Amino acid sequence: MDGRHVSAARDGDTPRTASPADQAATGASGSAASLGPTPNSGPASAQSGSTAESGPIGVPTGPVVSPTERAAPGGDRTPTRVALVLASSTGGIGRHVRSLTSGLAERGMTVSVYAPEDTGRLFSFESLGATFTAVEIPATPQPGDLRSVRDLRHALATDGVDVVHAHGLRAGLVGGWARPDRVPLVVTWHNAVLAGGLRGHAYRLLERRVARMADVTLGASRDLVDRAITVGGRDVRLGAVAAPTLAPARRSRAEVRAELGLDDDTPLILSVGRLHPQKGYETLIEAAARWHDRRPEPQVVIAGQGPSFLALTAEVSRLDAPVTLLGHRDDVADLLGAADLAIVSSVWEARQLFAQEALWAGVPLVSTAVGGLPELLGDGAVLVPAADVAALDAAVRELLDDSGRRRLLADAGRTQAMTWPTDNDTVRQVVEVYTELLGGAP
């Protein structure tokens, strides 16, 4: 989400430009619902056998079919041909699908990835042994949605897949419409819908429709699991999402600080993420403006790019805050090696990438207690309420004033990171789900 490339990108960032309303509507993926006809809100079982419904731009959705009615093709067996579907991504969703692609291929499965051409080029799925078919699924609804469904339906039928696994709400919707008869659908939810008003209502209709289409829903955090259950998911589980591997630093602390114009005594506070309202950077900037009284004055750097750049630049200027927006960076390991503290100020996250990178790197972290972050971070970070300038200010001051506590927090963070699932854990879980849906023994 911060505009970095594959090795260090954020969940749900897309190379396409969405409107501010679309960008603010979801937690990170930009997933959106149509403002067209709404799905039946009754129970899934009651919808079986109902007349076909219409989705965005008149795409027929068909009835919601229960798991017992969607019998596995060919009887009990393990999957051999897996379809992974995702919308436009330059961030964590793409990285997650890349990890699954590698693990499934290593287990001898035939993996086919269906995604926009730019996404396929960025993540190089074919280099991992998968076949790749370009299907344009933008992160927000587009007039070309009907073509996307038709293209994907044709490709899935031609490839003869055993199971369809979609990632994100938009991919879940298109994948659900396009899947061949009697082929199970798994959808992983990576992000929350944050919008209010009419647009938020439309996005929540999308949630409901996707939850009821899926045979199994996997949530990247417990709040996403709870949400999917609330809107009608029939079989909803917590999905293991592997922690990222942080590349080793290429430069020393002194070299990075020299680039930033800082001496070794100046506290450096780092945040990395897409410049987007979801990240809550206004709160961090306002807190930083309170640190003029400290000597030496802490300096905040934010690495990333996004639609809020101009607004955040104006806020830094208005408050005369000691904050520098670095733009896109691909040297986050170097920046972490030079930092004294890391900050996550988001209003919602599932498994935020930078938070994990900070703990792996042993940098003391202050994070908002939102979404899946409390469970992810445990005792490995100082947690504060979202949008609470005073709480963030106090937490930073206390850590800067206590080097011993910073060392203890860094150690606790590394310990917590050791508990996170690995790529093998993630692949093992999805294979078990696929096998279960096809009636085989895990």
Protein backbone atom coordinates (compact mmCIF):
# COMPACT_ATOMS: atom_id res chain seq x y z
CA MET A 1 0.00 0.00 0.00
CA ASP A 2 2.90 2.31 0.19
CA GLY A 3 3.99 2.12 -3.42
CA ARG A 4 7.05 -0.06 -2.81
CA HIS A 5 7.58 -2.98 -5.18
CA VAL A 6 7.11 -6.69 -4.59
CA SER A 7 9.71 -7.18 -1.87
CA ALA A 8 8.15 -4.56 0.38
CA ALA A 9 4.69 -3.44 -0.68
CA ARG A 10 1.45 -2.83 1.18
CA ASP A 11 -1.75 -4.79 1.16
CA GLY A 12 -4.16 -3.92 -1.56
CA ASP A 13 -2.26 -1.11 -3.27
CA THR A 14 -3.21 -0.93 -6.92
CA PRO A 15 -1.41 0.51 -9.95
CA ARG A 16 -4.63 2.06 -11.18
CA THR A 17 -5.97 5.38 -10.02
CA ALA A 18 -9.22 5.26 -8.09
CA SER A 19 -11.39 8.15 -7.04
CA PRO A 20 -10.92 9.53 -3.51
CA ALA A 21 -14.32 8.12 -2.59
CA ASP A 22 -13.32 4.67 -3.78
CA GLN A 23 -9.97 4.88 -2.03
CA ALA A 24 -11.55 5.84 1.26
CA ALA A 25 -14.24 3.19 1.04
CA THR A 26 -12.18 0.14 1.93
CA GLY A 27 -9.44 -0.74 4.36
CA ALA A 28 -6.78 -1.38 1.76
CA SER A 29 -7.99 -3.40 -1.16
CA GLY A 30 -10.30 -0.80 -2.66
CA SER A 31 -12.92 -3.53 -3.04
CA ALA A 32 -16.25 -2.05 -3.96
CA ALA A 33 -19.82 -3.03 -4.56
CA SER A 34 -21.98 -1.99 -7.43
CA LEU A 35 -24.66 0.60 -6.92
CA GLY A 36 -26.88 -1.62 -9.04
CA PRO A 37 -29.45 -4.22 -7.95
CA THR A 38 -28.88 -5.65 -4.49
CA PRO A 39 -28.67 -9.34 -3.63
CA ASN A 40 -31.32 -11.16 -1.66
CA SER A 41 -30.65 -10.60 2.02
CA GLY A 42 -32.28 -13.81 3.18
CA PRO A 43 -30.47 -16.92 4.39
CA ALA A 44 -28.35 -18.78 1.89
CA SER A 45 -30.48 -21.88 2.14
CA ALA A 46 -33.59 -19.90 1.29
CA GLN A 47 -31.96 -18.54 -1.84
CA SER A 48 -31.26 -21.93 -3.38
CA GLY A 49 -33.37 -22.35 -6.46
CA SER A 50 -34.30 -18.69 -6.60
CA THR A 51 -34.34 -16.87 -9.90
CA ALA A 52 -31.07 -15.41 -11.11
CA GLU A 53 -30.15 -12.04 -9.70
CA SER A 54 -28.32 -9.25 -11.47
CA GLY A 55 -25.03 -7.83 -10.31
CA PRO A 56 -23.11 -4.76 -11.51
CA ILE A 57 -23.90 -3.72 -15.08
CA GLY A 58 -26.44 -6.50 -15.37
CA VAL A 59 -24.13 -9.50 -14.90
CA PRO A 60 -26.33 -12.45 -13.91
CA THR A 61 -25.25 -13.79 -10.55
CA GLY A 62 -27.50 -16.82 -10.31
CA PRO A 63 -28.79 -18.32 -7.08
CA VAL A 64 -26.65 -18.89 -4.03
CA VAL A 65 -26.04 -22.63 -3.83
CA SER A 66 -25.45 -24.45 -0.56
CA PRO A 67 -22.36 -26.63 -0.08
CA THR A 68 -24.47 -29.83 -0.19
CA GLU A 69 -25.92 -28.80 -3.54
CA ARG A 70 -22.49 -28.01 -4.99
CA ALA A 71 -21.15 -31.56 -5.00
CA ALA A 72 -17.48 -32.06 -5.69
CA PRO A 73 -16.70 -33.16 -9.24
CA GLY A 74 -15.36 -36.66 -9.64
CA GLY A 75 -15.98 -37.87 -6.08
CA ASP A 76 -13.54 -37.89 -3.18
CA ARG A 77 -10.10 -36.68 -4.19
CA THR A 78 -7.39 -34.16 -3.49
CA PRO A 79 -7.07 -31.08 -5.71
CA THR A 80 -4.60 -31.10 -8.56
CA ARG A 81 -5.66 -28.00 -10.50
CA VAL A 82 -6.04 -24.80 -8.47
CA ALA A 83 -7.20 -21.42 -9.78
CA LEU A 84 -5.96 -18.36 -7.87
CA VAL A 85 -7.86 -15.16 -8.72
CA LEU A 86 -6.97 -11.64 -7.65
CA ALA A 87 -7.75 -8.07 -8.65
CA SER A 88 -5.18 -5.35 -9.32
CA SER A 89 -2.48 -5.45 -6.64
CA THR A 90 1.01 -4.18 -6.02
CA GLY A 91 1.02 -5.08 -2.37
CA GLY A 92 0.37 -7.70 0.26
CA ILE A 93 -2.43 -9.53 -1.55
CA GLY A 94 -0.20 -10.08 -4.55
CA ARG A 95 2.64 -11.20 -2.32
CA HIS A 96 0.34 -13.63 -0.51
CA VAL A 97 -0.87 -15.13 -3.80
CA ARG A 98 2.74 -15.40 -4.96
CA SER A 99 3.60 -17.34 -1.81
CA LEU A 100 0.64 -19.68 -2.32
CA THR A 101 1.56 -20.16 -5.97
CA SER A 102 5.06 -21.25 -5.04
CA GLY A 103 3.96 -23.58 -2.26
CA LEU A 104 1.18 -25.25 -4.23
CA ALA A 105 3.41 -25.77 -7.25
CA GLU A 106 6.09 -27.31 -5.04
CA ARG A 107 3.46 -29.81 -3.85
CA GLY A 108 2.93 -30.93 -7.43
CA MET A 109 -0.32 -29.08 -8.11
CA THR A 110 -1.12 -27.35 -11.36
CA VAL A 111 -1.60 -23.68 -10.45
CA SER A 112 -3.30 -21.18 -12.73
CA VAL A 113 -3.31 -17.51 -11.75
CA TYR A 114 -5.91 -15.10 -13.17
CA ALA A 115 -5.22 -11.41 -12.58
CA PRO A 116 -4.68 -8.12 -14.42
CA GLU A 117 -1.69 -8.13 -16.74
CA ASP A 118 0.21 -5.51 -14.69
CA THR A 119 -0.23 -7.61 -11.56
CA GLY A 120 1.02 -10.73 -13.31
CA ARG A 121 4.06 -8.90 -14.62
CA LEU A 122 4.89 -7.46 -11.20
CA PHE A 123 4.68 -10.72 -9.27
CA SER A 124 6.04 -13.07 -11.98
CA PHE A 125 3.73 -15.96 -11.15
CA GLU A 126 4.90 -17.90 -14.21
CA SER A 127 8.46 -17.95 -12.85
CA LEU A 128 7.11 -20.06 -9.97
CA GLY A 129 5.70 -22.75 -12.25
CA ALA A 130 2.16 -21.40 -12.65
CA THR A 131 0.29 -20.61 -15.81
CA PHE A 132 -0.94 -17.03 -15.99
CA THR A 133 -4.00 -15.67 -17.77
CA ALA A 134 -4.56 -11.92 -17.89
CA VAL A 135 -8.06 -11.01 -16.71
CA GLU A 136 -8.65 -7.35 -15.95
CA ILE A 137 -10.27 -7.16 -12.51
CA PRO A 138 -9.81 -3.58 -11.28
CA ALA A 139 -9.93 -2.94 -7.55
CA THR A 140 -13.15 -0.96 -8.02
CA PRO A 141 -16.19 -1.63 -10.26
CA GLN A 142 -15.71 -0.69 -13.90
CA PRO A 143 -17.85 -0.79 -17.06
CA GLY A 144 -15.69 -3.71 -18.21
CA ASP A 145 -16.79 -5.99 -15.37
CA LEU A 146 -19.02 -8.02 -17.70
CA ARG A 147 -16.07 -8.76 -19.97
CA SER A 148 -13.96 -9.72 -16.94
CA VAL A 149 -16.55 -12.26 -15.85
CA ARG A 150 -16.88 -13.68 -19.34
CA ASP A 151 -13.12 -13.89 -19.85
CA LEU A 152 -12.58 -15.59 -16.51
CA ARG A 153 -15.50 -17.98 -17.01
CA HIS A 154 -14.08 -19.05 -20.36
CA ALA A 155 -10.56 -19.46 -18.97
CA LEU A 156 -11.69 -21.49 -15.96
CA ALA A 157 -13.80 -23.78 -18.13
CA THR A 158 -10.95 -24.26 -20.60
CA ASP A 159 -8.40 -25.01 -17.88
CA GLY A 160 -10.65 -27.48 -16.07
CA VAL A 161 -9.85 -26.37 -12.53
CA ASP A 162 -10.79 -28.30 -9.38
CA VAL A 163 -11.17 -25.31 -7.05
CA VAL A 164 -11.29 -21.53 -7.36
CA HIS A 165 -9.56 -19.50 -4.64
CA ALA A 166 -10.20 -15.75 -4.90
CA HIS A 167 -8.38 -13.10 -2.90
CA GLY A 168 -10.25 -9.94 -1.91
CA LEU A 169 -13.89 -9.01 -2.32
CA ARG A 170 -13.67 -7.89 -5.94
CA ALA A 171 -11.92 -11.07 -7.03
CA GLY A 172 -14.39 -13.05 -4.93
CA LEU A 173 -17.34 -11.48 -6.71
CA VAL A 174 -15.94 -11.96 -10.22
CA GLY A 175 -14.63 -15.42 -9.39
CA GLY A 176 -17.96 -16.43 -7.90
CA TRP A 177 -19.86 -15.39 -11.01
CA ALA A 178 -17.34 -17.03 -13.33
CA ARG A 179 -16.64 -20.38 -11.68
CA PRO A 180 -17.84 -23.47 -13.53
CA ASP A 181 -20.77 -25.45 -12.10
CA ARG A 182 -19.92 -27.71 -9.17
CA VAL A 183 -16.46 -26.17 -8.65
CA PRO A 184 -15.93 -25.02 -5.03
CA LEU A 185 -15.14 -21.37 -4.26
CA VAL A 186 -12.80 -20.25 -1.49
CA VAL A 187 -12.48 -16.52 -0.81
CA THR A 188 -9.85 -14.95 1.42
CA TRP A 189 -10.85 -11.61 2.93
CA HIS A 190 -7.80 -9.38 3.32
CA ASN A 191 -9.36 -5.98 4.09
CA ALA A 192 -12.29 -4.32 5.82
CA VAL A 193 -14.85 -1.92 4.41
CA LEU A 194 -14.41 1.42 6.16
CA ALA A 195 -16.74 3.73 4.22
CA GLY A 196 -19.98 5.17 5.51
CA GLY A 197 -23.02 6.57 3.76
CA LEU A 198 -24.44 5.26 0.50
CA ARG A 199 -21.10 4.05 -0.79
CA GLY A 200 -20.42 2.18 2.40
CA HIS A 201 -23.89 0.58 2.15
CA ALA A 202 -23.11 -0.55 -1.39
CA TYR A 203 -19.78 -2.02 -0.33
CA ARG A 204 -21.45 -3.92 2.47
CA LEU A 205 -23.86 -5.43 -0.04
CA LEU A 206 -20.77 -6.67 -1.83
CA GLU A 207 -19.54 -8.24 1.39
CA ARG A 208 -22.84 -10.04 1.87
CA ARG A 209 -22.95 -11.35 -1.66
CA VAL A 210 -19.35 -12.63 -1.59
CA ALA A 211 -19.77 -14.20 1.85
CA ARG A 212 -22.81 -16.16 0.69
CA MET A 213 -21.28 -17.24 -2.61
CA ALA A 214 -18.19 -18.77 -1.01
CA ASP A 215 -18.12 -22.39 0.11
CA VAL A 216 -15.36 -21.42 2.56
CA THR A 217 -14.31 -17.93 3.62
CA LEU A 218 -10.87 -17.34 5.14
CA GLY A 219 -10.32 -14.12 7.09
CA ALA A 220 -6.85 -12.63 7.50
CA SER A 221 -7.80 -11.39 10.99
CA ARG A 222 -10.42 -12.30 13.58
CA ASP A 223 -12.45 -9.15 12.99
CA LEU A 224 -12.72 -10.09 9.31
CA VAL A 225 -13.85 -13.57 10.34
CA ASP A 226 -16.51 -12.03 12.59
CA ARG A 227 -17.64 -9.71 9.82
CA ALA A 228 -17.95 -12.50 7.26
CA ILE A 229 -20.05 -14.52 9.71
CA THR A 230 -22.26 -11.50 10.43
CA VAL A 231 -23.05 -10.95 6.75
CA GLY A 232 -23.92 -14.57 6.07
CA GLY A 233 -20.75 -16.56 5.50
CA ARG A 234 -21.56 -20.26 5.74
CA ASP A 235 -18.14 -21.66 6.65
CA VAL A 236 -15.78 -18.97 7.90
CA ARG A 237 -12.32 -19.62 9.31
CA LEU A 238 -9.24 -17.69 10.35
CA GLY A 239 -6.77 -17.92 7.48
CA ALA A 240 -3.07 -18.25 8.15
CA VAL A 241 -1.18 -15.46 6.37
CA ALA A 242 2.58 -15.85 6.35
CA ALA A 243 4.78 -13.15 7.84
CA PRO A 244 7.08 -11.42 5.36
CA THR A 245 10.79 -12.06 5.09
CA LEU A 246 12.70 -8.84 5.68
CA ALA A 247 15.65 -8.43 3.34
CA PRO A 248 18.97 -7.68 5.04
CA ALA A 249 20.05 -4.06 5.28
CA ARG A 250 22.51 -2.96 2.60
CA ARG A 251 23.74 0.19 4.34
CA SER A 252 24.83 1.07 7.85
CA ARG A 253 22.90 3.19 10.34
CA ALA A 254 25.41 5.99 9.87
CA GLU A 255 25.08 5.94 6.08
CA VAL A 256 21.29 6.15 6.16
CA ARG A 257 21.31 8.91 8.74
CA ALA A 258 23.83 10.86 6.68
CA GLU A 259 21.47 10.65 3.71
CA LEU A 260 18.66 12.02 5.90
CA GLY A 261 20.86 14.77 7.34
CA LEU A 262 20.71 13.41 10.90
CA ASP A 263 23.44 12.84 13.47
CA ASP A 264 23.48 9.75 15.66
CA ASP A 265 21.89 11.49 18.66
CA THR A 266 18.74 12.67 16.87
CA PRO A 267 15.81 10.29 17.49
CA LEU A 268 14.56 8.92 14.17
CA ILE A 269 10.95 7.76 14.07
CA LEU A 270 9.91 5.72 11.02
CA SER A 271 6.59 4.81 9.46
CA VAL A 272 6.07 3.03 6.16
CA GLY A 273 2.79 2.73 4.29
CA ARG A 274 0.60 4.01 1.54
CA LEU A 275 -0.32 7.68 1.89
CA HIS A 276 -4.01 7.07 2.38
CA PRO A 277 -6.59 8.11 5.01
CA GLN A 278 -6.67 4.55 6.34
CA LYS A 279 -3.09 4.98 7.59
CA GLY A 280 -3.97 7.78 10.01
CA TYR A 281 -0.88 9.83 9.22
CA GLU A 282 -2.67 13.03 10.22
CA THR A 283 -2.53 11.75 13.81
CA LEU A 284 1.20 11.06 13.58
CA ILE A 285 1.91 14.48 12.08
CA GLU A 286 -0.09 16.25 14.78
CA ALA A 287 1.73 14.29 17.50
CA ALA A 288 5.10 15.09 15.94
CA ALA A 289 4.28 18.80 16.03
CA ARG A 290 4.24 18.51 19.83
CA TRP A 291 7.88 17.41 19.97
CA HIS A 292 9.46 20.80 19.32
CA ASP A 293 10.22 21.04 23.05
CA ARG A 294 12.49 18.01 23.02
CA ARG A 295 16.25 18.24 22.57
CA PRO A 296 17.38 16.92 20.26
CA GLU A 297 14.08 17.21 18.43
CA PRO A 298 12.85 13.84 17.07
CA GLN A 299 12.54 13.58 13.31
CA VAL A 300 9.78 11.57 11.65
CA VAL A 301 10.14 10.05 8.19
CA ILE A 302 7.29 8.40 6.31
CA ALA A 303 8.14 6.18 3.35
CA GLY A 304 5.43 5.59 0.79
CA GLN A 305 3.31 7.24 -1.83
CA GLY A 306 -0.40 7.56 -2.43
CA PRO A 307 -3.41 9.81 -2.89
CA SER A 308 -2.97 11.72 0.39
CA PHE A 309 0.47 13.12 -0.48
CA LEU A 310 -0.64 16.70 -1.11
CA ALA A 311 -2.96 16.81 1.89
CA LEU A 312 -0.27 15.44 4.21
CA THR A 313 2.35 17.82 2.81
CA ALA A 314 0.00 20.72 3.56
CA GLU A 315 -0.57 19.43 7.09
CA VAL A 316 3.16 19.14 7.76
CA SER A 317 3.61 22.73 6.60
CA ARG A 318 0.63 24.06 8.55
CA LEU A 319 1.82 22.53 11.83
CA ASP A 320 5.53 23.04 11.14
CA ALA A 321 5.92 19.40 12.12
CA PRO A 322 9.35 17.68 11.99
CA VAL A 323 8.10 15.21 9.38
CA THR A 324 9.61 14.27 6.01
CA LEU A 325 7.62 12.39 3.35
CA LEU A 326 10.24 10.27 1.60
CA GLY A 327 8.05 8.92 -1.21
CA HIS A 328 8.57 5.46 -2.63
CA ARG A 329 11.43 3.48 -1.05
CA ASP A 330 12.73 -0.01 -1.65
CA ASP A 331 15.25 0.11 1.21
CA VAL A 332 12.97 -0.35 4.21
CA ALA A 333 15.46 -2.67 5.90
CA ASP A 334 18.04 0.14 5.72
CA LEU A 335 15.57 2.65 7.15
CA LEU A 336 14.66 0.30 10.00
CA GLY A 337 18.35 -0.15 10.79
CA ALA A 338 18.66 3.60 11.27
CA ALA A 339 15.41 4.10 13.23
CA ASP A 340 14.94 4.40 16.99
CA LEU A 341 11.18 3.85 16.93
CA ALA A 342 8.59 2.62 14.44
CA ILE A 343 5.00 3.90 14.29
CA VAL A 344 1.80 2.42 12.87
CA SER A 345 -1.00 4.99 13.15
CA SER A 346 -3.66 3.25 11.03
CA VAL A 347 -7.39 3.34 11.66
CA TRP A 348 -7.64 -0.31 10.55
CA GLU A 349 -5.29 -3.12 9.55
CA ALA A 350 -5.44 -6.90 9.32
CA ARG A 351 -1.77 -8.02 9.32
CA GLN A 352 0.10 -4.84 8.52
CA LEU A 353 3.36 -5.49 6.70
CA PHE A 354 5.46 -2.71 8.22
CA ALA A 355 4.44 -3.68 11.75
CA GLN A 356 5.79 -7.16 11.08
CA GLU A 357 8.97 -5.82 9.50
CA ALA A 358 9.62 -3.62 12.53
CA LEU A 359 9.29 -6.51 14.96
CA TRP A 360 11.53 -8.76 12.88
CA ALA A 361 14.11 -5.97 12.74
CA GLY A 362 14.02 -5.43 16.51
CA VAL A 363 12.81 -1.82 16.30
CA PRO A 364 10.49 -0.79 19.17
CA LEU A 365 6.99 -0.29 17.77
CA VAL A 366 4.07 1.93 18.79
CA SER A 367 0.89 0.85 17.02
CA THR A 368 -2.80 1.57 17.06
CA ALA A 369 -4.94 -1.16 18.60
CA VAL A 370 -7.19 -1.74 15.58
CA GLY A 371 -8.35 -4.67 13.47
CA GLY A 372 -6.01 -7.62 13.69
CA LEU A 373 -3.06 -5.69 15.12
CA PRO A 374 -3.54 -6.49 18.84
CA GLU A 375 -3.56 -10.21 18.07
CA LEU A 376 -0.69 -9.91 15.60
CA LEU A 377 1.58 -7.87 17.88
CA GLY A 378 0.70 -9.22 21.32
CA ASP A 379 3.15 -7.87 23.91
CA GLY A 380 5.65 -6.99 21.20
CA ALA A 381 4.45 -3.39 20.78
CA VAL A 382 2.98 -0.48 22.71
CA LEU A 383 -0.68 -0.21 21.65
CA VAL A 384 -2.63 3.07 21.61
CA PRO A 385 -6.14 4.00 20.44
CA ALA A 386 -6.58 5.11 16.85
CA ALA A 387 -6.82 8.85 16.13
CA ASP A 388 -5.66 9.68 19.69
CA VAL A 389 -2.92 12.29 19.36
CA ALA A 390 -2.33 12.57 23.09
CA ALA A 391 -1.92 8.81 23.55
CA LEU A 392 0.52 8.54 20.64
CA ASP A 393 2.48 11.54 21.90
CA ALA A 394 2.73 10.08 25.41
CA ALA A 395 3.78 6.61 24.19
CA VAL A 396 6.57 8.03 22.05
CA ARG A 397 7.84 10.30 24.81
CA GLU A 398 7.93 7.46 27.33
CA LEU A 399 9.94 5.21 25.02
CA LEU A 400 12.37 7.93 23.99
CA ASP A 401 13.01 8.65 27.67
CA ASP A 402 13.66 5.02 28.61
CA SER A 403 16.34 3.17 26.62
CA GLY A 404 15.95 0.08 28.81
CA ARG A 405 12.28 -0.20 27.97
CA ARG A 406 13.07 0.19 24.29
CA ARG A 407 15.49 -2.76 24.50
CA LEU A 408 12.93 -4.92 26.32
CA LEU A 409 10.24 -4.03 23.77
CA ALA A 410 12.57 -4.88 20.87
CA ASP A 411 13.25 -8.30 22.43
CA ALA A 412 9.54 -8.89 23.03
CA GLY A 413 8.85 -7.99 19.42
CA ARG A 414 11.31 -10.56 18.08
CA THR A 415 9.79 -13.19 20.37
CA GLN A 416 6.30 -12.37 19.11
CA ALA A 417 7.44 -12.55 15.49
CA MET A 418 8.57 -16.14 16.05
CA THR A 419 4.92 -17.11 16.68
CA TRP A 420 3.64 -15.99 13.28
CA PRO A 421 2.65 -18.52 10.62
CA THR A 422 5.14 -19.45 7.93
CA ASP A 423 4.59 -19.88 4.21
CA ASN A 424 4.37 -23.63 4.81
CA ASP A 425 1.65 -23.10 7.43
CA THR A 426 -0.37 -21.06 4.96
CA VAL A 427 -0.05 -23.55 2.12
CA ARG A 428 -0.84 -26.49 4.40
CA GLN A 429 -4.08 -24.86 5.56
CA VAL A 430 -5.39 -24.03 2.09
CA VAL A 431 -4.58 -27.53 0.80
CA GLU A 432 -6.58 -28.97 3.69
CA VAL A 433 -9.50 -26.68 2.82
CA TYR A 434 -9.37 -27.59 -0.89
CA THR A 435 -9.20 -31.30 -0.09
CA GLU A 436 -12.10 -31.07 2.35
CA LEU A 437 -14.28 -29.30 -0.22
CA LEU A 438 -13.54 -32.01 -2.78
CA GLY A 439 -14.47 -34.73 -0.31
CA GLY A 440 -10.96 -36.11 0.12
CA ALA A 441 -8.94 -36.80 3.25
CA PRO A 442 -6.60 -33.94 4.29
